Amino acid sequence: MAATVLRLVAEGRLSLTDTVEHWLPGRVRGNGNDGTRITVRHLLQHTSGLHDHDSTELTGRTAPDFERHRFDRIDPERLVTAALEHTPDSPLPTPTPPTPAGATPTPATSSWAPSSRR
């Protein structure tokens, strides 16, 4: 998944500084979650604050439950819904403004990709 996202970044089709709200308008909000503050970079770095559910929440907690559900495909929409049923696991990140075109990113900035794609 990360390799595909990074390829899209290299092609200029999305930016690491794009927010979740940009790509999934209105989808990531509630219970303290806010898609306007979470970027693609946060998702790739696992620093979005979104609840990282234990798979047993969806598949059961016993060995027989595991056997029954181990090959189940869990729809991504269901995973998002499950995460949003909880408050964030950590404080919400603050998106860093994109680096201006032609500028050299520093450790304090978060974008190595062009941000003019929108």
N, C-alpha and C. Protein backbone atom coordinates (compact mmCIF):
# COMPACT_ATOMS: atom_id res chain seq x y z
N MET A 1 0.82 -1.18 0.00
CA MET A 1 0.00 0.00 0.00
C MET A 1 0.87 1.25 0.00
N ALA A 2 1.87 1.31 0.89
CA ALA A 2 2.71 2.49 0.97
C ALA A 2 3.46 2.72 -0.34
N ALA A 3 3.92 1.65 -0.98
CA ALA A 3 4.65 1.80 -2.25
C ALA A 3 3.74 2.41 -3.32
N THR A 4 2.49 2.01 -3.34
CA THR A 4 1.54 2.56 -4.31
C THR A 4 1.30 4.04 -4.04
N VAL A 5 1.12 4.38 -2.79
CA VAL A 5 0.91 5.79 -2.43
C VAL A 5 2.12 6.62 -2.83
N LEU A 6 3.31 6.12 -2.53
CA LEU A 6 4.52 6.88 -2.87
C LEU A 6 4.70 7.00 -4.38
N ARG A 7 4.27 6.02 -5.11
CA ARG A 7 4.32 6.11 -6.58
C ARG A 7 3.39 7.22 -7.06
N LEU A 8 2.19 7.29 -6.48
CA LEU A 8 1.24 8.36 -6.83
C LEU A 8 1.81 9.73 -6.48
N VAL A 9 2.54 9.81 -5.39
CA VAL A 9 3.20 11.06 -5.02
C VAL A 9 4.24 11.41 -6.08
N ALA A 10 5.05 10.44 -6.48
CA ALA A 10 6.09 10.68 -7.49
C ALA A 10 5.48 11.12 -8.82
N GLU A 11 4.30 10.62 -9.13
CA GLU A 11 3.61 10.99 -10.37
C GLU A 11 2.88 12.33 -10.24
N GLY A 12 2.87 12.90 -9.04
CA GLY A 12 2.20 14.17 -8.83
C GLY A 12 0.68 14.06 -8.71
N ARG A 13 0.18 12.85 -8.52
CA ARG A 13 -1.27 12.64 -8.44
C ARG A 13 -1.81 12.89 -7.05
N LEU A 14 -0.95 12.84 -6.05
CA LEU A 14 -1.32 13.23 -4.69
C LEU A 14 -0.06 13.70 -3.99
N SER A 15 -0.25 14.31 -2.84
CA SER A 15 0.88 14.84 -2.08
C SER A 15 0.85 14.26 -0.67
N LEU A 16 2.01 14.12 -0.09
CA LEU A 16 2.07 13.64 1.29
C LEU A 16 1.41 14.61 2.25
N THR A 17 1.26 15.86 1.84
CA THR A 17 0.62 16.86 2.70
C THR A 17 -0.88 16.98 2.45
N ASP A 18 -1.42 16.22 1.50
CA ASP A 18 -2.87 16.20 1.30
C ASP A 18 -3.52 15.69 2.58
N THR A 19 -4.65 16.28 2.91
CA THR A 19 -5.37 15.80 4.09
C THR A 19 -6.31 14.66 3.73
N VAL A 20 -6.67 13.91 4.74
CA VAL A 20 -7.66 12.86 4.56
C VAL A 20 -8.97 13.50 4.09
N GLU A 21 -9.26 14.67 4.62
CA GLU A 21 -10.49 15.38 4.23
C GLU A 21 -10.51 15.66 2.73
N HIS A 22 -9.36 15.95 2.15
CA HIS A 22 -9.28 16.22 0.71
C HIS A 22 -9.73 15.01 -0.11
N TRP A 23 -9.31 13.81 0.30
CA TRP A 23 -9.59 12.60 -0.46
C TRP A 23 -10.86 11.88 0.01
N LEU A 24 -11.24 12.06 1.25
CA LEU A 24 -12.45 11.42 1.79
C LEU A 24 -13.28 12.48 2.52
N PRO A 25 -13.85 13.43 1.77
CA PRO A 25 -14.56 14.54 2.42
C PRO A 25 -15.66 14.07 3.36
N GLY A 26 -15.59 14.57 4.59
CA GLY A 26 -16.61 14.28 5.58
C GLY A 26 -16.56 12.89 6.18
N ARG A 27 -15.66 12.06 5.75
CA ARG A 27 -15.64 10.66 6.20
C ARG A 27 -14.95 10.45 7.54
N VAL A 28 -13.86 11.18 7.80
CA VAL A 28 -13.10 10.97 9.03
C VAL A 28 -13.36 12.12 9.99
N ARG A 29 -14.43 11.95 10.76
CA ARG A 29 -14.75 12.93 11.80
C ARG A 29 -15.66 12.27 12.82
N GLY A 30 -15.62 12.81 14.01
CA GLY A 30 -16.43 12.28 15.10
C GLY A 30 -15.58 11.62 16.15
N ASN A 31 -16.05 11.64 17.37
CA ASN A 31 -15.33 11.07 18.52
C ASN A 31 -13.94 11.68 18.68
N GLY A 32 -13.77 12.93 18.26
CA GLY A 32 -12.47 13.59 18.37
C GLY A 32 -11.56 13.39 17.18
N ASN A 33 -11.98 12.61 16.19
CA ASN A 33 -11.20 12.40 14.97
C ASN A 33 -11.49 13.54 14.00
N ASP A 34 -10.47 13.99 13.27
CA ASP A 34 -10.64 15.13 12.37
C ASP A 34 -9.77 14.95 11.13
N GLY A 35 -10.40 14.60 10.02
CA GLY A 35 -9.68 14.37 8.77
C GLY A 35 -9.01 15.60 8.20
N THR A 36 -9.37 16.80 8.68
CA THR A 36 -8.71 18.01 8.20
C THR A 36 -7.32 18.17 8.81
N ARG A 37 -7.04 17.41 9.86
CA ARG A 37 -5.74 17.52 10.54
C ARG A 37 -4.84 16.32 10.27
N ILE A 38 -5.32 15.35 9.52
CA ILE A 38 -4.54 14.15 9.25
C ILE A 38 -4.13 14.15 7.79
N THR A 39 -2.84 13.99 7.53
CA THR A 39 -2.34 13.98 6.16
C THR A 39 -2.00 12.56 5.70
N VAL A 40 -1.77 12.45 4.41
CA VAL A 40 -1.32 11.17 3.84
C VAL A 40 -0.03 10.74 4.54
N ARG A 41 0.86 11.68 4.79
CA ARG A 41 2.12 11.37 5.49
C ARG A 41 1.83 10.75 6.86
N HIS A 42 0.89 11.35 7.61
CA HIS A 42 0.55 10.81 8.93
C HIS A 42 0.06 9.36 8.81
N LEU A 43 -0.75 9.08 7.80
CA LEU A 43 -1.24 7.72 7.63
C LEU A 43 -0.09 6.76 7.35
N LEU A 44 0.83 7.16 6.47
CA LEU A 44 1.96 6.28 6.13
C LEU A 44 2.89 6.06 7.31
N GLN A 45 3.02 7.09 8.16
CA GLN A 45 3.92 6.99 9.31
C GLN A 45 3.22 6.45 10.56
N HIS A 46 1.95 6.11 10.42
CA HIS A 46 1.16 5.60 11.55
C HIS A 46 1.15 6.59 12.71
N THR A 47 1.06 7.90 12.38
CA THR A 47 1.03 8.95 13.38
C THR A 47 -0.25 9.78 13.28
N SER A 48 -1.29 9.21 12.70
CA SER A 48 -2.54 9.95 12.48
C SER A 48 -3.35 10.11 13.76
N GLY A 49 -3.09 9.29 14.75
CA GLY A 49 -3.90 9.30 15.96
C GLY A 49 -5.14 8.43 15.85
N LEU A 50 -5.50 8.00 14.63
CA LEU A 50 -6.67 7.14 14.48
C LEU A 50 -6.49 5.87 15.30
N HIS A 51 -7.58 5.43 15.88
CA HIS A 51 -7.54 4.23 16.72
C HIS A 51 -7.03 3.04 15.93
N ASP A 52 -6.04 2.39 16.47
CA ASP A 52 -5.48 1.18 15.85
C ASP A 52 -6.16 0.00 16.52
N HIS A 53 -7.23 -0.44 15.91
CA HIS A 53 -8.04 -1.49 16.53
C HIS A 53 -7.30 -2.82 16.58
N ASP A 54 -7.65 -3.57 17.57
CA ASP A 54 -7.17 -4.93 17.71
C ASP A 54 -8.04 -5.77 16.77
N SER A 55 -7.45 -6.59 15.95
CA SER A 55 -8.24 -7.35 14.97
C SER A 55 -9.32 -8.20 15.62
N THR A 56 -9.14 -8.52 16.90
CA THR A 56 -10.16 -9.33 17.56
C THR A 56 -11.47 -8.56 17.72
N GLU A 57 -11.43 -7.22 17.59
CA GLU A 57 -12.66 -6.46 17.66
C GLU A 57 -13.60 -6.84 16.52
N LEU A 58 -13.04 -7.26 15.40
CA LEU A 58 -13.84 -7.60 14.23
C LEU A 58 -13.97 -9.10 14.00
N THR A 59 -13.04 -9.88 14.54
CA THR A 59 -13.04 -11.32 14.23
C THR A 59 -13.34 -12.21 15.42
N GLY A 60 -13.40 -11.68 16.61
CA GLY A 60 -13.66 -12.49 17.80
C GLY A 60 -12.40 -12.75 18.59
N ARG A 61 -12.57 -13.21 19.80
CA ARG A 61 -11.44 -13.35 20.72
C ARG A 61 -11.06 -14.80 21.04
N THR A 62 -11.74 -15.75 20.50
CA THR A 62 -11.44 -17.15 20.83
C THR A 62 -10.83 -17.86 19.63
N ALA A 63 -10.21 -19.00 19.89
CA ALA A 63 -9.64 -19.81 18.81
C ALA A 63 -10.70 -20.23 17.80
N PRO A 64 -11.88 -20.68 18.24
CA PRO A 64 -12.91 -21.03 17.26
C PRO A 64 -13.34 -19.81 16.42
N ASP A 65 -13.43 -18.64 17.06
CA ASP A 65 -13.76 -17.43 16.29
C ASP A 65 -12.69 -17.17 15.23
N PHE A 66 -11.43 -17.30 15.64
CA PHE A 66 -10.33 -17.10 14.69
C PHE A 66 -10.45 -18.07 13.51
N GLU A 67 -10.69 -19.33 13.80
CA GLU A 67 -10.82 -20.32 12.73
C GLU A 67 -11.97 -19.98 11.78
N ARG A 68 -13.06 -19.50 12.33
CA ARG A 68 -14.23 -19.14 11.51
C ARG A 68 -13.97 -17.93 10.63
N HIS A 69 -13.14 -17.01 11.11
CA HIS A 69 -13.00 -15.72 10.43
C HIS A 69 -11.62 -15.46 9.82
N ARG A 70 -10.70 -16.41 9.93
CA ARG A 70 -9.33 -16.10 9.51
C ARG A 70 -9.17 -15.77 8.04
N PHE A 71 -10.07 -16.21 7.18
CA PHE A 71 -9.96 -15.89 5.77
C PHE A 71 -10.99 -14.86 5.32
N ASP A 72 -11.70 -14.29 6.28
CA ASP A 72 -12.67 -13.26 5.94
C ASP A 72 -11.96 -12.04 5.37
N ARG A 73 -12.57 -11.42 4.40
CA ARG A 73 -12.08 -10.15 3.89
C ARG A 73 -12.86 -9.06 4.62
N ILE A 74 -12.13 -8.16 5.24
CA ILE A 74 -12.79 -7.06 5.95
C ILE A 74 -12.71 -5.83 5.07
N ASP A 75 -13.85 -5.32 4.71
CA ASP A 75 -13.95 -4.16 3.84
C ASP A 75 -13.25 -2.95 4.46
N PRO A 76 -12.46 -2.21 3.68
CA PRO A 76 -11.78 -1.02 4.21
C PRO A 76 -12.75 -0.03 4.86
N GLU A 77 -13.93 0.11 4.31
CA GLU A 77 -14.93 1.01 4.90
C GLU A 77 -15.27 0.57 6.33
N ARG A 78 -15.34 -0.73 6.54
CA ARG A 78 -15.63 -1.24 7.88
C ARG A 78 -14.48 -0.95 8.83
N LEU A 79 -13.25 -1.03 8.34
CA LEU A 79 -12.09 -0.71 9.18
C LEU A 79 -12.10 0.76 9.60
N VAL A 80 -12.43 1.63 8.65
CA VAL A 80 -12.52 3.06 8.99
C VAL A 80 -13.62 3.29 10.01
N THR A 81 -14.77 2.69 9.78
CA THR A 81 -15.88 2.83 10.72
C THR A 81 -15.49 2.34 12.11
N ALA A 82 -14.80 1.21 12.18
CA ALA A 82 -14.37 0.67 13.48
C ALA A 82 -13.41 1.63 14.17
N ALA A 83 -12.48 2.22 13.42
CA ALA A 83 -11.53 3.16 14.01
C ALA A 83 -12.24 4.40 14.54
N LEU A 84 -13.25 4.88 13.80
CA LEU A 84 -13.93 6.11 14.18
C LEU A 84 -14.92 5.92 15.33
N GLU A 85 -15.18 4.68 15.71
CA GLU A 85 -16.03 4.43 16.87
C GLU A 85 -15.29 4.75 18.16
N HIS A 86 -13.99 5.02 18.06
CA HIS A 86 -13.13 5.31 19.21
C HIS A 86 -12.58 6.72 19.12
N THR A 87 -12.18 7.25 20.26
CA THR A 87 -11.45 8.51 20.26
C THR A 87 -10.04 8.22 19.75
N PRO A 88 -9.32 9.24 19.31
CA PRO A 88 -7.95 9.01 18.83
C PRO A 88 -7.08 8.37 19.91
N ASP A 89 -6.15 7.54 19.47
CA ASP A 89 -5.22 6.88 20.39
C ASP A 89 -4.15 7.84 20.89
N SER A 90 -3.90 8.90 20.16
CA SER A 90 -2.90 9.90 20.53
C SER A 90 -3.42 11.25 20.07
N PRO A 91 -2.78 12.33 20.54
CA PRO A 91 -3.24 13.66 20.11
C PRO A 91 -3.23 13.77 18.59
N LEU A 92 -4.21 14.49 18.07
CA LEU A 92 -4.28 14.69 16.62
C LEU A 92 -3.09 15.49 16.15
N PRO A 93 -2.53 15.11 15.01
CA PRO A 93 -1.40 15.87 14.46
C PRO A 93 -1.87 17.20 13.90
N THR A 94 -0.92 18.10 13.76
CA THR A 94 -1.18 19.36 13.09
C THR A 94 -0.45 19.30 11.76
N PRO A 95 -1.18 19.38 10.64
CA PRO A 95 -0.50 19.31 9.34
C PRO A 95 0.51 20.43 9.18
N THR A 96 1.67 20.08 8.65
CA THR A 96 2.69 21.07 8.35
C THR A 96 2.40 21.66 6.99
N PRO A 97 2.48 22.98 6.86
CA PRO A 97 2.22 23.57 5.54
C PRO A 97 3.18 22.99 4.50
N PRO A 98 2.73 22.87 3.25
CA PRO A 98 3.62 22.33 2.22
C PRO A 98 4.81 23.24 1.97
N THR A 99 5.91 22.63 1.56
CA THR A 99 7.10 23.39 1.21
C THR A 99 6.84 24.13 -0.10
N PRO A 100 7.15 25.43 -0.16
CA PRO A 100 6.93 26.17 -1.42
C PRO A 100 7.73 25.54 -2.57
N ALA A 101 7.17 25.63 -3.77
CA ALA A 101 7.83 25.07 -4.95
C ALA A 101 9.23 25.65 -5.07
N GLY A 102 10.20 24.78 -5.32
CA GLY A 102 11.58 25.20 -5.49
C GLY A 102 12.35 25.32 -4.19
N ALA A 103 11.68 25.26 -3.04
CA ALA A 103 12.36 25.35 -1.76
C ALA A 103 12.93 23.98 -1.39
N THR A 104 13.97 24.00 -0.60
CA THR A 104 14.57 22.77 -0.13
C THR A 104 13.95 22.41 1.21
N PRO A 105 13.30 21.27 1.29
CA PRO A 105 12.70 20.88 2.57
C PRO A 105 13.75 20.70 3.64
N THR A 106 13.39 21.04 4.86
CA THR A 106 14.24 20.85 6.03
C THR A 106 13.54 19.88 6.96
N PRO A 107 14.21 19.43 8.00
CA PRO A 107 13.52 18.51 8.92
C PRO A 107 12.24 19.10 9.51
N ALA A 108 12.13 20.42 9.55
CA ALA A 108 10.93 21.04 10.12
C ALA A 108 9.77 21.08 9.14
N THR A 109 10.02 20.84 7.86
CA THR A 109 8.94 20.83 6.88
C THR A 109 8.61 19.40 6.51
N SER A 110 7.41 19.20 5.96
CA SER A 110 7.00 17.82 5.76
C SER A 110 6.83 17.41 4.31
N SER A 111 7.08 18.27 3.35
CA SER A 111 6.77 17.89 1.99
C SER A 111 7.98 17.88 1.09
N TRP A 112 8.28 16.71 0.54
CA TRP A 112 9.31 16.60 -0.48
C TRP A 112 8.68 16.58 -1.85
N ALA A 113 7.37 16.42 -1.91
CA ALA A 113 6.67 16.33 -3.18
C ALA A 113 6.07 17.68 -3.54
N PRO A 114 5.93 17.96 -4.84
CA PRO A 114 5.29 19.20 -5.24
C PRO A 114 3.87 19.25 -4.70
N SER A 115 3.46 20.42 -4.25
CA SER A 115 2.11 20.53 -3.68
C SER A 115 1.17 21.28 -4.61
N SER A 116 1.58 21.55 -5.82
CA SER A 116 0.75 22.33 -6.74
C SER A 116 -0.25 21.48 -7.52
N ARG A 117 -0.34 20.20 -7.25
CA ARG A 117 -1.17 19.28 -8.00
C ARG A 117 -2.65 19.60 -7.91
N ARG A 118 -3.14 20.18 -6.89
CA ARG A 118 -4.57 20.37 -6.70
C ARG A 118 -5.11 21.19 -7.80
